[in-house]
């Protein structure tokens, strides 16, 4: 169940270097659409990372 979240986090870390929040959201949407069961966890991870990036 953590595979999607871990995959998302790995992609997030790569995107953070470029502060690319737009494709960060697109990544979250893609992963969430691939796994409805993990969608909530994916969006929570996205929000957490986005807050850390913007904050």
PDB file of N, CA and C in Angstrom:
ATOM      1  N   UNK A   1       0.825  -1.195   0.000  1.00  0.00           N
ATOM      2  CA  UNK A   1       0.000   0.000   0.000  1.00  0.00           C
ATOM      3  C   UNK A   1       0.867   1.255   0.000  1.00  0.00           C
ATOM      4  N   UNK A   2       2.088   1.165   0.478  1.00  0.00           N
ATOM      5  CA  UNK A   2       2.949   2.340   0.539  1.00  0.00           C
ATOM      6  C   UNK A   2       3.661   2.619  -0.777  1.00  0.00           C
ATOM      7  N   UNK A   3       3.543   1.708  -1.735  1.00  0.00           N
ATOM      8  CA  UNK A   3       4.304   1.866  -2.971  1.00  0.00           C
ATOM      9  C   UNK A   3       3.952   3.170  -3.680  1.00  0.00           C
ATOM     10  N   UNK A   4       2.668   3.508  -3.756  1.00  0.00           N
ATOM     11  CA  UNK A   4       2.265   4.730  -4.447  1.00  0.00           C
ATOM     12  C   UNK A   4       2.793   5.958  -3.706  1.00  0.00           C
ATOM     13  N   UNK A   5       2.687   5.923  -2.375  1.00  0.00           N
ATOM     14  CA  UNK A   5       3.147   7.058  -1.582  1.00  0.00           C
ATOM     15  C   UNK A   5       4.661   7.207  -1.703  1.00  0.00           C
ATOM     16  N   UNK A   6       5.372   6.086  -1.633  1.00  0.00           N
ATOM     17  CA  UNK A   6       6.827   6.147  -1.766  1.00  0.00           C
ATOM     18  C   UNK A   6       7.222   6.635  -3.154  1.00  0.00           C
ATOM     19  N   UNK A   7       6.520   6.137  -4.163  1.00  0.00           N
ATOM     20  CA  UNK A   7       6.793   6.570  -5.534  1.00  0.00           C
ATOM     21  C   UNK A   7       6.533   8.066  -5.668  1.00  0.00           C
ATOM     22  N   UNK A   8       5.444   8.518  -5.077  1.00  0.00           N
ATOM     23  CA  UNK A   8       5.106   9.931  -5.122  1.00  0.00           C
ATOM     24  C   UNK A   8       6.178  10.758  -4.420  1.00  0.00           C
ATOM     25  N   UNK A   9       6.613  10.296  -3.254  1.00  0.00           N
ATOM     26  CA  UNK A   9       7.626  11.041  -2.506  1.00  0.00           C
ATOM     27  C   UNK A   9       8.920  11.142  -3.299  1.00  0.00           C
ATOM     28  N   UNK A  10       9.285  10.074  -3.990  1.00  0.00           N
ATOM     29  CA  UNK A  10      10.508  10.108  -4.790  1.00  0.00           C
ATOM     30  C   UNK A  10      10.378  11.146  -5.902  1.00  0.00           C
ATOM     31  N   UNK A  11       9.237  11.171  -6.564  1.00  0.00           N
ATOM     32  CA  UNK A  11       9.020  12.149  -7.631  1.00  0.00           C
ATOM     33  C   UNK A  11       8.968  13.554  -7.051  1.00  0.00           C
ATOM     34  N   UNK A  12       8.398  13.672  -5.862  1.00  0.00           N
ATOM     35  CA  UNK A  12       8.311  14.970  -5.197  1.00  0.00           C
ATOM     36  C   UNK A  12       9.709  15.520  -4.931  1.00  0.00           C
ATOM     37  N   UNK A  13      10.584  14.672  -4.411  1.00  0.00           N
ATOM     38  CA  UNK A  13      11.930  15.135  -4.081  1.00  0.00           C
ATOM     39  C   UNK A  13      12.651  15.647  -5.321  1.00  0.00           C
ATOM     40  N   UNK A  14      12.411  15.027  -6.462  1.00  0.00           N
ATOM     41  CA  UNK A  14      13.038  15.484  -7.702  1.00  0.00           C
ATOM     42  C   UNK A  14      12.445  16.830  -8.129  1.00  0.00           C
ATOM     43  N   UNK A  15      11.143  16.986  -7.945  1.00  0.00           N
ATOM     44  CA  UNK A  15      10.484  18.212  -8.385  1.00  0.00           C
ATOM     45  C   UNK A  15      10.763  19.377  -7.435  1.00  0.00           C
ATOM     46  N   UNK A  16      11.029  19.062  -6.180  1.00  0.00           N
ATOM     47  CA  UNK A  16      11.277  20.121  -5.204  1.00  0.00           C
ATOM     48  C   UNK A  16      12.467  20.985  -5.613  1.00  0.00           C
ATOM     49  N   UNK A  17      13.460  20.373  -6.220  1.00  0.00           N
ATOM     50  CA  UNK A  17      14.649  21.114  -6.623  1.00  0.00           C
ATOM     51  C   UNK A  17      14.291  22.237  -7.583  1.00  0.00           C
ATOM     52  N   UNK A  18      13.263  22.011  -8.412  1.00  0.00           N
ATOM     53  CA  UNK A  18      12.833  23.024  -9.363  1.00  0.00           C
ATOM     54  C   UNK A  18      11.620  23.811  -8.891  1.00  0.00           C
ATOM     55  N   UNK A  19      11.173  23.547  -7.655  1.00  0.00           N
ATOM     56  CA  UNK A  19       9.993  24.215  -7.105  1.00  0.00           C
ATOM     57  C   UNK A  19       8.825  24.112  -8.086  1.00  0.00           C
ATOM     58  N   UNK A  20       8.638  22.922  -8.625  1.00  0.00           N
ATOM     59  CA  UNK A  20       7.653  22.710  -9.677  1.00  0.00           C
ATOM     60  C   UNK A  20       6.350  22.210  -9.058  1.00  0.00           C
ATOM     61  N   UNK A  21       5.587  23.116  -8.467  1.00  0.00           N
ATOM     62  CA  UNK A  21       4.373  22.702  -7.765  1.00  0.00           C
ATOM     63  C   UNK A  21       3.275  22.285  -8.730  1.00  0.00           C
ATOM     64  N   UNK A  22       3.281  22.811  -9.948  1.00  0.00           N
ATOM     65  CA  UNK A  22       2.232  22.463 -10.906  1.00  0.00           C
ATOM     66  C   UNK A  22       2.324  20.988 -11.285  1.00  0.00           C
ATOM     67  N   UNK A  23       3.512  20.536 -11.715  1.00  0.00           N
ATOM     68  CA  UNK A  23       3.640  19.135 -12.078  1.00  0.00           C
ATOM     69  C   UNK A  23       3.604  18.250 -10.833  1.00  0.00           C
ATOM     70  N   UNK A  24       3.879  18.844  -9.671  1.00  0.00           N
ATOM     71  CA  UNK A  24       3.714  18.101  -8.423  1.00  0.00           C
ATOM     72  C   UNK A  24       2.254  17.715  -8.241  1.00  0.00           C
ATOM     73  N   UNK A  25       1.362  18.654  -8.507  1.00  0.00           N
ATOM     74  CA  UNK A  25      -0.071  18.375  -8.395  1.00  0.00           C
ATOM     75  C   UNK A  25      -0.491  17.368  -9.458  1.00  0.00           C
ATOM     76  N   UNK A  26       0.058  17.499 -10.659  1.00  0.00           N
ATOM     77  CA  UNK A  26      -0.275  16.557 -11.729  1.00  0.00           C
ATOM     78  C   UNK A  26       0.170  15.148 -11.353  1.00  0.00           C
ATOM     79  N   UNK A  27       1.340  15.048 -10.728  1.00  0.00           N
ATOM     80  CA  UNK A  27       1.823  13.740 -10.280  1.00  0.00           C
ATOM     81  C   UNK A  27       0.865  13.149  -9.262  1.00  0.00           C
ATOM     82  N   UNK A  28       0.416  13.968  -8.329  1.00  0.00           N
ATOM     83  CA  UNK A  28      -0.527  13.496  -7.321  1.00  0.00           C
ATOM     84  C   UNK A  28      -1.812  13.017  -7.979  1.00  0.00           C
ATOM     85  N   UNK A  29      -2.285  13.764  -8.967  1.00  0.00           N
ATOM     86  CA  UNK A  29      -3.521  13.384  -9.648  1.00  0.00           C
ATOM     87  C   UNK A  29      -3.348  12.069 -10.390  1.00  0.00           C
ATOM     88  N   UNK A  30      -2.198  11.902 -11.055  1.00  0.00           N
ATOM     89  CA  UNK A  30      -1.947  10.667 -11.799  1.00  0.00           C
ATOM     90  C   UNK A  30      -1.902   9.474 -10.857  1.00  0.00           C
ATOM     91  N   UNK A  31      -1.158   9.595  -9.754  1.00  0.00           N
ATOM     92  CA  UNK A  31      -1.027   8.483  -8.825  1.00  0.00           C
ATOM     93  C   UNK A  31      -2.362   8.198  -8.146  1.00  0.00           C
ATOM     94  N   UNK A  32      -3.104   9.242  -7.833  1.00  0.00           N
ATOM     95  CA  UNK A  32      -4.397   9.043  -7.180  1.00  0.00           C
ATOM     96  C   UNK A  32      -5.365   8.325  -8.113  1.00  0.00           C
ATOM     97  N   UNK A  33      -5.300   8.642  -9.399  1.00  0.00           N
ATOM     98  CA  UNK A  33      -6.207   8.002 -10.348  1.00  0.00           C
ATOM     99  C   UNK A  33      -5.814   6.543 -10.576  1.00  0.00           C
ATOM    100  N   UNK A  34      -4.539   6.215 -10.375  1.00  0.00           N
ATOM    101  CA  UNK A  34      -4.095   4.836 -10.556  1.00  0.00           C
ATOM    102  C   UNK A  34      -4.543   3.951  -9.401  1.00  0.00           C
ATOM    103  N   UNK A  35      -4.682   4.551  -8.214  1.00  0.00           N
ATOM    104  CA  UNK A  35      -5.016   3.753  -7.037  1.00  0.00           C
ATOM    105  C   UNK A  35      -5.993   4.515  -6.160  1.00  0.00           C
ATOM    106  N   UNK A  36      -7.267   4.197  -6.298  1.00  0.00           N
ATOM    107  CA  UNK A  36      -8.278   4.910  -5.529  1.00  0.00           C
ATOM    108  C   UNK A  36      -8.148   4.623  -4.039  1.00  0.00           C
ATOM    109  N   UNK A  37      -7.628   3.455  -3.679  1.00  0.00           N
ATOM    110  CA  UNK A  37      -7.513   3.114  -2.267  1.00  0.00           C
ATOM    111  C   UNK A  37      -6.443   3.959  -1.587  1.00  0.00           C
ATOM    112  N   UNK A  38      -5.410   4.338  -2.339  1.00  0.00           N
ATOM    113  CA  UNK A  38      -4.323   5.119  -1.762  1.00  0.00           C
ATOM    114  C   UNK A  38      -4.473   6.606  -2.045  1.00  0.00           C
ATOM    115  N   UNK A  39      -5.554   6.988  -2.718  1.00  0.00           N
ATOM    116  CA  UNK A  39      -5.703   8.380  -3.150  1.00  0.00           C
ATOM    117  C   UNK A  39      -5.624   9.344  -1.964  1.00  0.00           C
ATOM    118  N   UNK A  40      -6.286   8.992  -0.870  1.00  0.00           N
ATOM    119  CA  UNK A  40      -6.283   9.879   0.295  1.00  0.00           C
ATOM    120  C   UNK A  40      -4.874  10.052   0.832  1.00  0.00           C
ATOM    121  N   UNK A  41      -4.140   8.947   0.936  1.00  0.00           N
ATOM    122  CA  UNK A  41      -2.768   9.016   1.435  1.00  0.00           C
ATOM    123  C   UNK A  41      -1.888   9.833   0.500  1.00  0.00           C
ATOM    124  N   UNK A  42      -2.120   9.686  -0.793  1.00  0.00           N
ATOM    125  CA  UNK A  42      -1.331  10.419  -1.785  1.00  0.00           C
ATOM    126  C   UNK A  42      -1.596  11.912  -1.648  1.00  0.00           C
ATOM    127  N   UNK A  43      -2.858  12.278  -1.499  1.00  0.00           N
ATOM    128  CA  UNK A  43      -3.183  13.699  -1.387  1.00  0.00           C
ATOM    129  C   UNK A  43      -2.670  14.266  -0.075  1.00  0.00           C
ATOM    130  N   UNK A  44      -2.687  13.467   0.993  1.00  0.00           N
ATOM    131  CA  UNK A  44      -2.131  13.935   2.258  1.00  0.00           C
ATOM    132  C   UNK A  44      -0.636  14.189   2.113  1.00  0.00           C
ATOM    133  N   UNK A  45       0.053  13.289   1.419  1.00  0.00           N
ATOM    134  CA  UNK A  45       1.483  13.466   1.195  1.00  0.00           C
ATOM    135  C   UNK A  45       1.729  14.698   0.339  1.00  0.00           C
ATOM    136  N   UNK A  46       0.885  14.897  -0.655  1.00  0.00           N
ATOM    137  CA  UNK A  46       1.015  16.068  -1.523  1.00  0.00           C
ATOM    138  C   UNK A  46       0.840  17.353  -0.727  1.00  0.00           C
ATOM    139  N   UNK A  47      -0.204  17.413   0.083  1.00  0.00           N
ATOM    140  CA  UNK A  47      -0.463  18.613   0.878  1.00  0.00           C
ATOM    141  C   UNK A  47       0.684  18.880   1.849  1.00  0.00           C
ATOM    142  N   UNK A  48       1.209  17.820   2.464  1.00  0.00           N
ATOM    143  CA  UNK A  48       2.302  17.971   3.412  1.00  0.00           C
ATOM    144  C   UNK A  48       3.541  18.529   2.722  1.00  0.00           C
ATOM    145  N   UNK A  49       3.868  17.959   1.575  1.00  0.00           N
ATOM    146  CA  UNK A  49       5.050  18.406   0.839  1.00  0.00           C
ATOM    147  C   UNK A  49       4.844  19.827   0.321  1.00  0.00           C
ATOM    148  N   UNK A  50       3.640  20.113  -0.173  1.00  0.00           N
ATOM    149  CA  UNK A  50       3.356  21.448  -0.695  1.00  0.00           C
ATOM    150  C   UNK A  50       3.492  22.484   0.413  1.00  0.00           C
ATOM    151  N   UNK A  51       2.982  22.152   1.595  1.00  0.00           N
ATOM    152  CA  UNK A  51       3.080  23.081   2.721  1.00  0.00           C
ATOM    153  C   UNK A  51       4.531  23.304   3.115  1.00  0.00           C
ATOM    154  N   UNK A  52       5.339  22.245   3.082  1.00  0.00           N
ATOM    155  CA  UNK A  52       6.752  22.379   3.411  1.00  0.00           C
ATOM    156  C   UNK A  52       7.462  23.227   2.363  1.00  0.00           C
ATOM    157  N   UNK A  53       7.077  23.052   1.105  1.00  0.00           N
ATOM    158  CA  UNK A  53       7.717  23.787   0.019  1.00  0.00           C
ATOM    159  C   UNK A  53       7.344  25.265   0.085  1.00  0.00           C
ATOM    160  N   UNK A  54       6.050  25.540   0.238  1.00  0.00           N
ATOM    161  CA  UNK A  54       5.585  26.922   0.257  1.00  0.00           C
ATOM    162  C   UNK A  54       5.935  27.593   1.583  1.00  0.00           C
ATOM    163  N   UNK A  55       5.784  26.830   2.680  1.00  0.00           N
ATOM    164  CA  UNK A  55       6.043  27.387   4.003  1.00  0.00           C
ATOM    165  C   UNK A  55       7.482  27.749   4.166  1.00  0.00           C
TER     166      UNK A  55
END
